[in-house]
Amino acid sequence: MKKILFAAVSVFMFAGIAFADNDRIVPYESLPKKAREFVKQYFPSEKVSYVKEEADFMELSYEVVFAQGTKVEFTGQGEWKEVDCRYSTLNEALVPAQIKEYVGKNFPDTKFVKIEKGYRGYEVKLTNRLELTFDNNFNLVDIDD
């Protein structure tokens, strides 16, 4: 009985691993319309290097990488999840006003290099390497250096 159970668990684990990483390069036009509009609005002069479609179990997502290194992640519906500017600073229009206000008061002379939007709130990374986490009501909940 233990052998059968072990075999069944092994098969399910292998199947999960085999289907968990279905990433593929896709044409820019295959992005959802909302994602293409986002790119056009916030990165109008940037050249798209590639678009990757990621299929993880029941969730579809996209990753757009620009030639200068910025990466934007989208949900399958085209909502942005993360913007990571590796070699530049973030367009501050993407940052909620409450977060910009907090950072302006407490960390003057810093810029945003990354923002991530999740179910529990936002996480931003600054040019001084601090990572700030805010809840959905824009209350600071964590600082990581």
N, C-alpha and C. Protein backbone atom coordinates (compact mmCIF):
# COMPACT_ATOMS: atom_id res chain seq x y z
N MET A 1 0.82 -1.19 0.00
CA MET A 1 0.00 0.00 0.00
C MET A 1 0.87 1.27 0.00
N LYS A 2 1.97 1.22 0.78
CA LYS A 2 2.85 2.37 0.84
C LYS A 2 3.50 2.63 -0.52
N LYS A 3 3.81 1.54 -1.25
CA LYS A 3 4.43 1.70 -2.56
C LYS A 3 3.47 2.36 -3.54
N ILE A 4 2.20 1.97 -3.48
CA ILE A 4 1.20 2.55 -4.38
C ILE A 4 1.01 4.03 -4.05
N LEU A 5 0.91 4.34 -2.78
CA LEU A 5 0.75 5.73 -2.36
C LEU A 5 1.96 6.55 -2.79
N PHE A 6 3.16 6.03 -2.59
CA PHE A 6 4.38 6.72 -2.99
C PHE A 6 4.40 6.94 -4.50
N ALA A 7 4.01 5.94 -5.26
CA ALA A 7 3.99 6.05 -6.73
C ALA A 7 2.98 7.12 -7.16
N ALA A 8 1.81 7.14 -6.53
CA ALA A 8 0.80 8.13 -6.89
C ALA A 8 1.27 9.55 -6.58
N VAL A 9 1.86 9.73 -5.42
CA VAL A 9 2.38 11.05 -5.04
C VAL A 9 3.48 11.47 -6.00
N SER A 10 4.35 10.55 -6.36
CA SER A 10 5.44 10.86 -7.29
C SER A 10 4.92 11.30 -8.65
N VAL A 11 3.90 10.62 -9.15
CA VAL A 11 3.31 10.97 -10.44
C VAL A 11 2.71 12.37 -10.39
N PHE A 12 1.97 12.68 -9.31
CA PHE A 12 1.35 14.01 -9.20
C PHE A 12 2.42 15.10 -9.05
N MET A 13 3.47 14.84 -8.32
CA MET A 13 4.54 15.82 -8.17
C MET A 13 5.23 16.06 -9.51
N PHE A 14 5.52 15.00 -10.25
CA PHE A 14 6.16 15.14 -11.55
C PHE A 14 5.26 15.91 -12.51
N ALA A 15 3.97 15.59 -12.49
CA ALA A 15 3.03 16.29 -13.38
C ALA A 15 2.97 17.76 -13.02
N GLY A 16 2.99 18.08 -11.73
CA GLY A 16 2.97 19.48 -11.30
C GLY A 16 4.21 20.21 -11.74
N ILE A 17 5.36 19.58 -11.64
CA ILE A 17 6.61 20.21 -12.06
C ILE A 17 6.63 20.38 -13.57
N ALA A 18 6.13 19.42 -14.29
CA ALA A 18 6.15 19.47 -15.75
C ALA A 18 5.28 20.60 -16.28
N PHE A 19 4.17 20.91 -15.62
CA PHE A 19 3.27 21.93 -16.12
C PHE A 19 3.43 23.27 -15.41
N ALA A 20 4.25 23.34 -14.39
CA ALA A 20 4.37 24.56 -13.60
C ALA A 20 5.15 25.64 -14.33
N ASP A 21 6.00 25.29 -15.24
CA ASP A 21 6.87 26.28 -15.87
C ASP A 21 6.65 26.30 -17.37
N ASN A 22 5.47 26.72 -17.77
CA ASN A 22 5.15 26.82 -19.19
C ASN A 22 5.34 28.26 -19.64
N ASP A 23 6.58 28.71 -19.75
CA ASP A 23 6.90 30.06 -20.21
C ASP A 23 7.24 30.00 -21.68
N ARG A 24 6.77 31.02 -22.40
CA ARG A 24 7.12 31.07 -23.82
C ARG A 24 7.13 32.51 -24.29
N ILE A 25 7.96 32.79 -25.24
CA ILE A 25 8.04 34.11 -25.85
C ILE A 25 6.88 34.23 -26.83
N VAL A 26 6.16 35.35 -26.74
CA VAL A 26 5.00 35.58 -27.60
C VAL A 26 5.13 36.95 -28.25
N PRO A 27 4.41 37.19 -29.34
CA PRO A 27 4.44 38.52 -29.98
C PRO A 27 3.81 39.57 -29.06
N TYR A 28 4.27 40.80 -29.18
CA TYR A 28 3.75 41.91 -28.39
C TYR A 28 2.23 42.02 -28.54
N GLU A 29 1.72 41.76 -29.71
CA GLU A 29 0.29 41.88 -30.00
C GLU A 29 -0.56 40.89 -29.20
N SER A 30 0.06 39.85 -28.64
CA SER A 30 -0.72 38.88 -27.87
C SER A 30 -0.99 39.34 -26.44
N LEU A 31 -0.36 40.46 -26.04
CA LEU A 31 -0.67 41.03 -24.73
C LEU A 31 -2.12 41.47 -24.69
N PRO A 32 -2.77 41.38 -23.54
CA PRO A 32 -4.13 41.93 -23.44
C PRO A 32 -4.13 43.43 -23.77
N LYS A 33 -5.23 43.90 -24.29
CA LYS A 33 -5.34 45.30 -24.72
C LYS A 33 -4.97 46.26 -23.59
N LYS A 34 -5.41 45.98 -22.39
CA LYS A 34 -5.14 46.84 -21.24
C LYS A 34 -3.63 46.95 -20.98
N ALA A 35 -2.91 45.86 -21.14
CA ALA A 35 -1.45 45.86 -20.95
C ALA A 35 -0.77 46.68 -22.05
N ARG A 36 -1.22 46.54 -23.29
CA ARG A 36 -0.64 47.32 -24.38
C ARG A 36 -0.87 48.81 -24.17
N GLU A 37 -2.06 49.17 -23.68
CA GLU A 37 -2.36 50.57 -23.39
C GLU A 37 -1.46 51.10 -22.27
N PHE A 38 -1.19 50.28 -21.27
CA PHE A 38 -0.30 50.65 -20.17
C PHE A 38 1.10 50.94 -20.71
N VAL A 39 1.61 50.05 -21.55
CA VAL A 39 2.94 50.24 -22.13
C VAL A 39 2.97 51.52 -22.96
N LYS A 40 1.95 51.75 -23.75
CA LYS A 40 1.89 52.94 -24.59
C LYS A 40 1.85 54.21 -23.73
N GLN A 41 1.14 54.18 -22.61
CA GLN A 41 1.00 55.36 -21.75
C GLN A 41 2.28 55.65 -20.96
N TYR A 42 2.87 54.62 -20.34
CA TYR A 42 3.97 54.85 -19.41
C TYR A 42 5.36 54.62 -20.01
N PHE A 43 5.43 53.96 -21.15
CA PHE A 43 6.72 53.68 -21.79
C PHE A 43 6.63 53.95 -23.29
N PRO A 44 6.17 55.14 -23.69
CA PRO A 44 5.90 55.39 -25.12
C PRO A 44 7.14 55.34 -26.01
N SER A 45 8.30 55.68 -25.48
CA SER A 45 9.49 55.72 -26.33
C SER A 45 10.42 54.52 -26.11
N GLU A 46 10.03 53.60 -25.25
CA GLU A 46 10.87 52.44 -24.96
C GLU A 46 10.66 51.35 -26.01
N LYS A 47 11.74 50.66 -26.31
CA LYS A 47 11.68 49.55 -27.27
C LYS A 47 11.48 48.24 -26.50
N VAL A 48 10.46 47.49 -26.88
CA VAL A 48 10.19 46.20 -26.25
C VAL A 48 11.20 45.18 -26.76
N SER A 49 11.91 44.57 -25.83
CA SER A 49 12.88 43.54 -26.19
C SER A 49 12.18 42.21 -26.45
N TYR A 50 11.32 41.81 -25.48
CA TYR A 50 10.52 40.60 -25.67
C TYR A 50 9.35 40.58 -24.70
N VAL A 51 8.38 39.73 -25.01
CA VAL A 51 7.21 39.50 -24.16
C VAL A 51 7.17 38.02 -23.85
N LYS A 52 7.03 37.71 -22.58
CA LYS A 52 6.98 36.31 -22.16
C LYS A 52 5.62 36.03 -21.54
N GLU A 53 5.00 34.96 -21.99
CA GLU A 53 3.74 34.50 -21.41
C GLU A 53 4.06 33.38 -20.42
N GLU A 54 3.54 33.49 -19.21
CA GLU A 54 3.82 32.51 -18.18
C GLU A 54 2.51 31.85 -17.75
N ALA A 55 2.45 30.54 -17.91
CA ALA A 55 1.27 29.77 -17.51
C ALA A 55 1.64 28.95 -16.29
N ASP A 56 1.11 29.33 -15.14
CA ASP A 56 1.36 28.62 -13.89
C ASP A 56 0.05 28.03 -13.39
N PHE A 57 -0.09 26.74 -13.53
CA PHE A 57 -1.29 26.01 -13.11
C PHE A 57 -2.53 26.66 -13.70
N MET A 58 -3.29 27.43 -12.92
CA MET A 58 -4.55 28.00 -13.41
C MET A 58 -4.43 29.49 -13.69
N GLU A 59 -3.23 30.05 -13.65
CA GLU A 59 -3.05 31.49 -13.81
C GLU A 59 -2.15 31.79 -14.99
N LEU A 60 -2.56 32.78 -15.76
CA LEU A 60 -1.78 33.23 -16.91
C LEU A 60 -1.25 34.62 -16.59
N SER A 61 0.00 34.89 -16.90
CA SER A 61 0.56 36.22 -16.69
C SER A 61 1.53 36.52 -17.82
N TYR A 62 1.91 37.79 -17.90
CA TYR A 62 2.82 38.24 -18.95
C TYR A 62 3.95 39.06 -18.33
N GLU A 63 5.08 39.03 -18.99
CA GLU A 63 6.23 39.83 -18.58
C GLU A 63 6.75 40.53 -19.83
N VAL A 64 6.84 41.86 -19.75
CA VAL A 64 7.38 42.66 -20.85
C VAL A 64 8.73 43.18 -20.40
N VAL A 65 9.75 42.92 -21.20
CA VAL A 65 11.10 43.39 -20.90
C VAL A 65 11.50 44.37 -21.99
N PHE A 66 11.93 45.56 -21.55
CA PHE A 66 12.35 46.60 -22.48
C PHE A 66 13.86 46.52 -22.72
N ALA A 67 14.30 47.08 -23.81
CA ALA A 67 15.71 47.02 -24.20
C ALA A 67 16.63 47.64 -23.15
N GLN A 68 16.19 48.69 -22.45
CA GLN A 68 17.05 49.31 -21.44
C GLN A 68 16.99 48.61 -20.09
N GLY A 69 16.24 47.50 -19.98
CA GLY A 69 16.28 46.68 -18.77
C GLY A 69 15.06 46.71 -17.89
N THR A 70 14.15 47.64 -18.09
CA THR A 70 12.93 47.68 -17.28
C THR A 70 12.06 46.48 -17.57
N LYS A 71 11.43 45.96 -16.51
CA LYS A 71 10.56 44.79 -16.64
C LYS A 71 9.20 45.14 -16.04
N VAL A 72 8.12 44.77 -16.75
CA VAL A 72 6.76 44.98 -16.26
C VAL A 72 6.03 43.64 -16.29
N GLU A 73 5.40 43.29 -15.17
CA GLU A 73 4.61 42.06 -15.10
C GLU A 73 3.14 42.41 -15.09
N PHE A 74 2.36 41.63 -15.84
CA PHE A 74 0.92 41.83 -15.96
C PHE A 74 0.17 40.55 -15.62
N THR A 75 -1.06 40.71 -15.14
CA THR A 75 -1.94 39.56 -14.97
C THR A 75 -2.45 39.14 -16.35
N GLY A 76 -3.14 38.04 -16.42
CA GLY A 76 -3.72 37.58 -17.67
C GLY A 76 -4.77 38.53 -18.23
N GLN A 77 -5.33 39.38 -17.35
CA GLN A 77 -6.33 40.36 -17.78
C GLN A 77 -5.71 41.69 -18.18
N GLY A 78 -4.39 41.81 -18.01
CA GLY A 78 -3.71 43.03 -18.43
C GLY A 78 -3.47 44.04 -17.32
N GLU A 79 -3.78 43.70 -16.08
CA GLU A 79 -3.51 44.59 -14.94
C GLU A 79 -2.03 44.49 -14.59
N TRP A 80 -1.38 45.61 -14.34
CA TRP A 80 0.04 45.54 -13.97
C TRP A 80 0.17 45.02 -12.55
N LYS A 81 1.21 44.21 -12.33
CA LYS A 81 1.51 43.66 -11.00
C LYS A 81 2.80 44.22 -10.47
N GLU A 82 3.77 44.44 -11.35
CA GLU A 82 5.09 44.89 -10.91
C GLU A 82 5.77 45.65 -12.03
N VAL A 83 6.47 46.73 -11.64
CA VAL A 83 7.31 47.47 -12.56
C VAL A 83 8.67 47.58 -11.89
N ASP A 84 9.70 47.08 -12.55
CA ASP A 84 11.05 47.05 -11.99
C ASP A 84 12.00 47.74 -12.97
N CYS A 85 12.48 48.93 -12.57
CA CYS A 85 13.41 49.69 -13.39
C CYS A 85 14.82 49.42 -12.88
N ARG A 86 15.50 48.53 -13.49
CA ARG A 86 16.82 48.11 -13.01
C ARG A 86 17.89 49.18 -13.16
N TYR A 87 17.86 49.92 -14.25
CA TYR A 87 18.91 50.89 -14.54
C TYR A 87 18.40 52.32 -14.64
N SER A 88 17.19 52.55 -14.20
CA SER A 88 16.61 53.89 -14.26
C SER A 88 15.63 54.05 -13.09
N THR A 89 14.89 55.13 -13.09
CA THR A 89 13.90 55.34 -12.04
C THR A 89 12.49 55.20 -12.62
N LEU A 90 11.58 54.96 -11.74
CA LEU A 90 10.19 54.69 -12.09
C LEU A 90 9.44 55.96 -12.46
N ASN A 91 8.54 55.85 -13.40
CA ASN A 91 7.62 56.94 -13.70
C ASN A 91 6.72 57.10 -12.47
N GLU A 92 6.83 58.23 -11.78
CA GLU A 92 6.11 58.41 -10.51
C GLU A 92 4.60 58.47 -10.67
N ALA A 93 4.10 58.57 -11.89
CA ALA A 93 2.66 58.53 -12.10
C ALA A 93 2.09 57.17 -11.73
N LEU A 94 2.95 56.15 -11.66
CA LEU A 94 2.51 54.80 -11.28
C LEU A 94 2.35 54.65 -9.76
N VAL A 95 2.93 55.56 -8.99
CA VAL A 95 2.94 55.45 -7.54
C VAL A 95 1.73 56.19 -6.97
N PRO A 96 0.94 55.51 -6.12
CA PRO A 96 -0.20 56.20 -5.49
C PRO A 96 0.26 57.45 -4.72
N ALA A 97 -0.58 58.48 -4.73
CA ALA A 97 -0.24 59.76 -4.13
C ALA A 97 0.15 59.63 -2.65
N GLN A 98 -0.54 58.77 -1.90
CA GLN A 98 -0.26 58.62 -0.48
C GLN A 98 1.16 58.08 -0.25
N ILE A 99 1.60 57.17 -1.11
CA ILE A 99 2.95 56.62 -0.99
C ILE A 99 3.98 57.67 -1.38
N LYS A 100 3.71 58.41 -2.46
CA LYS A 100 4.64 59.48 -2.86
C LYS A 100 4.78 60.51 -1.74
N GLU A 101 3.68 60.84 -1.11
CA GLU A 101 3.70 61.82 -0.02
C GLU A 101 4.54 61.32 1.16
N TYR A 102 4.34 60.06 1.55
CA TYR A 102 5.09 59.49 2.66
C TYR A 102 6.59 59.48 2.35
N VAL A 103 6.94 59.02 1.17
CA VAL A 103 8.35 58.94 0.79
C VAL A 103 8.96 60.34 0.69
N GLY A 104 8.22 61.29 0.14
CA GLY A 104 8.72 62.66 0.02
C GLY A 104 9.03 63.28 1.37
N LYS A 105 8.18 63.00 2.37
CA LYS A 105 8.38 63.55 3.72
C LYS A 105 9.51 62.85 4.46
N ASN A 106 9.59 61.53 4.35
CA ASN A 106 10.50 60.75 5.17
C ASN A 106 11.82 60.39 4.49
N PHE A 107 11.85 60.39 3.17
CA PHE A 107 13.07 60.02 2.44
C PHE A 107 13.28 60.98 1.28
N PRO A 108 13.49 62.27 1.59
CA PRO A 108 13.70 63.23 0.50
C PRO A 108 14.96 62.85 -0.29
N ASP A 109 15.01 63.31 -1.50
CA ASP A 109 16.14 63.04 -2.39
C ASP A 109 16.25 61.58 -2.81
N THR A 110 15.18 60.80 -2.67
CA THR A 110 15.18 59.44 -3.20
C THR A 110 14.15 59.34 -4.31
N LYS A 111 14.34 58.38 -5.14
CA LYS A 111 13.42 58.09 -6.25
C LYS A 111 12.96 56.65 -6.13
N PHE A 112 11.92 56.32 -6.86
CA PHE A 112 11.40 54.96 -6.90
C PHE A 112 12.08 54.19 -8.02
N VAL A 113 12.46 52.93 -7.75
CA VAL A 113 13.03 52.09 -8.81
C VAL A 113 12.18 50.85 -9.07
N LYS A 114 11.26 50.55 -8.13
CA LYS A 114 10.41 49.37 -8.30
C LYS A 114 9.12 49.57 -7.52
N ILE A 115 8.02 49.07 -8.09
CA ILE A 115 6.75 49.04 -7.38
C ILE A 115 6.07 47.71 -7.69
N GLU A 116 5.49 47.13 -6.66
CA GLU A 116 4.78 45.87 -6.81
C GLU A 116 3.41 46.03 -6.15
N LYS A 117 2.37 45.64 -6.88
CA LYS A 117 1.00 45.74 -6.39
C LYS A 117 0.49 44.33 -6.14
N GLY A 118 0.03 44.08 -4.91
CA GLY A 118 -0.46 42.76 -4.56
C GLY A 118 -1.81 42.83 -3.88
N TYR A 119 -2.28 41.69 -3.41
CA TYR A 119 -3.57 41.62 -2.74
C TYR A 119 -3.58 42.38 -1.42
N ARG A 120 -2.42 42.42 -0.77
CA ARG A 120 -2.34 43.04 0.56
C ARG A 120 -1.88 44.48 0.52
N GLY A 121 -1.47 44.98 -0.63
CA GLY A 121 -1.02 46.35 -0.72
C GLY A 121 0.08 46.53 -1.73
N TYR A 122 1.00 47.45 -1.42
CA TYR A 122 2.07 47.82 -2.34
C TYR A 122 3.43 47.66 -1.66
N GLU A 123 4.43 47.35 -2.48
CA GLU A 123 5.80 47.36 -2.03
C GLU A 123 6.58 48.21 -3.02
N VAL A 124 7.38 49.14 -2.49
CA VAL A 124 8.20 49.99 -3.34
C VAL A 124 9.65 49.87 -2.92
N LYS A 125 10.53 50.02 -3.90
CA LYS A 125 11.96 50.03 -3.63
C LYS A 125 12.48 51.39 -4.06
N LEU A 126 13.33 51.97 -3.22
CA LEU A 126 13.85 53.31 -3.45
C LEU A 126 15.30 53.27 -3.89
N THR A 127 15.79 54.41 -4.39
CA THR A 127 17.18 54.48 -4.83
C THR A 127 18.16 54.31 -3.67
N ASN A 128 17.72 54.52 -2.43
CA ASN A 128 18.60 54.30 -1.27
C ASN A 128 18.56 52.84 -0.80
N ARG A 129 17.97 51.98 -1.62
CA ARG A 129 17.88 50.52 -1.41
C ARG A 129 16.87 50.09 -0.35
N LEU A 130 16.13 51.01 0.22
CA LEU A 130 15.09 50.62 1.16
C LEU A 130 13.89 50.07 0.41
N GLU A 131 13.25 49.06 1.00
CA GLU A 131 12.01 48.52 0.47
C GLU A 131 10.92 48.80 1.48
N LEU A 132 9.89 49.52 1.06
CA LEU A 132 8.79 49.90 1.94
C LEU A 132 7.55 49.12 1.54
N THR A 133 6.84 48.59 2.53
CA THR A 133 5.61 47.86 2.27
C THR A 133 4.45 48.64 2.89
N PHE A 134 3.41 48.84 2.08
CA PHE A 134 2.22 49.56 2.51
C PHE A 134 1.02 48.63 2.37
N ASP A 135 0.05 48.74 3.29
CA ASP A 135 -1.17 47.96 3.16
C ASP A 135 -2.11 48.65 2.17
N ASN A 136 -3.30 48.09 1.97
CA ASN A 136 -4.24 48.65 1.01
C ASN A 136 -4.78 50.02 1.41
N ASN A 137 -4.59 50.41 2.67
CA ASN A 137 -4.99 51.73 3.13
C ASN A 137 -3.81 52.69 3.15
N PHE A 138 -2.70 52.28 2.56
CA PHE A 138 -1.47 53.07 2.42
C PHE A 138 -0.80 53.37 3.75
N ASN A 139 -0.98 52.48 4.72
CA ASN A 139 -0.26 52.57 5.98
C ASN A 139 1.04 51.79 5.82
N LEU A 140 2.15 52.37 6.28
CA LEU A 140 3.43 51.68 6.22
C LEU A 140 3.40 50.50 7.18
N VAL A 141 3.72 49.31 6.70
CA VAL A 141 3.71 48.11 7.55
C VAL A 141 5.08 47.48 7.70
N ASP A 142 6.04 47.82 6.82
CA ASP A 142 7.37 47.21 6.94
C ASP A 142 8.38 48.05 6.18
N ILE A 143 9.59 48.09 6.72
CA ILE A 143 10.74 48.68 6.05
C ILE A 143 11.83 47.63 6.04
N ASP A 144 12.38 47.37 4.87
CA ASP A 144 13.45 46.38 4.74
C ASP A 144 14.62 47.05 4.04
N ASP A 145 15.82 46.84 4.59
CA ASP A 145 16.99 47.44 3.95
C ASP A 145 17.92 46.39 3.39
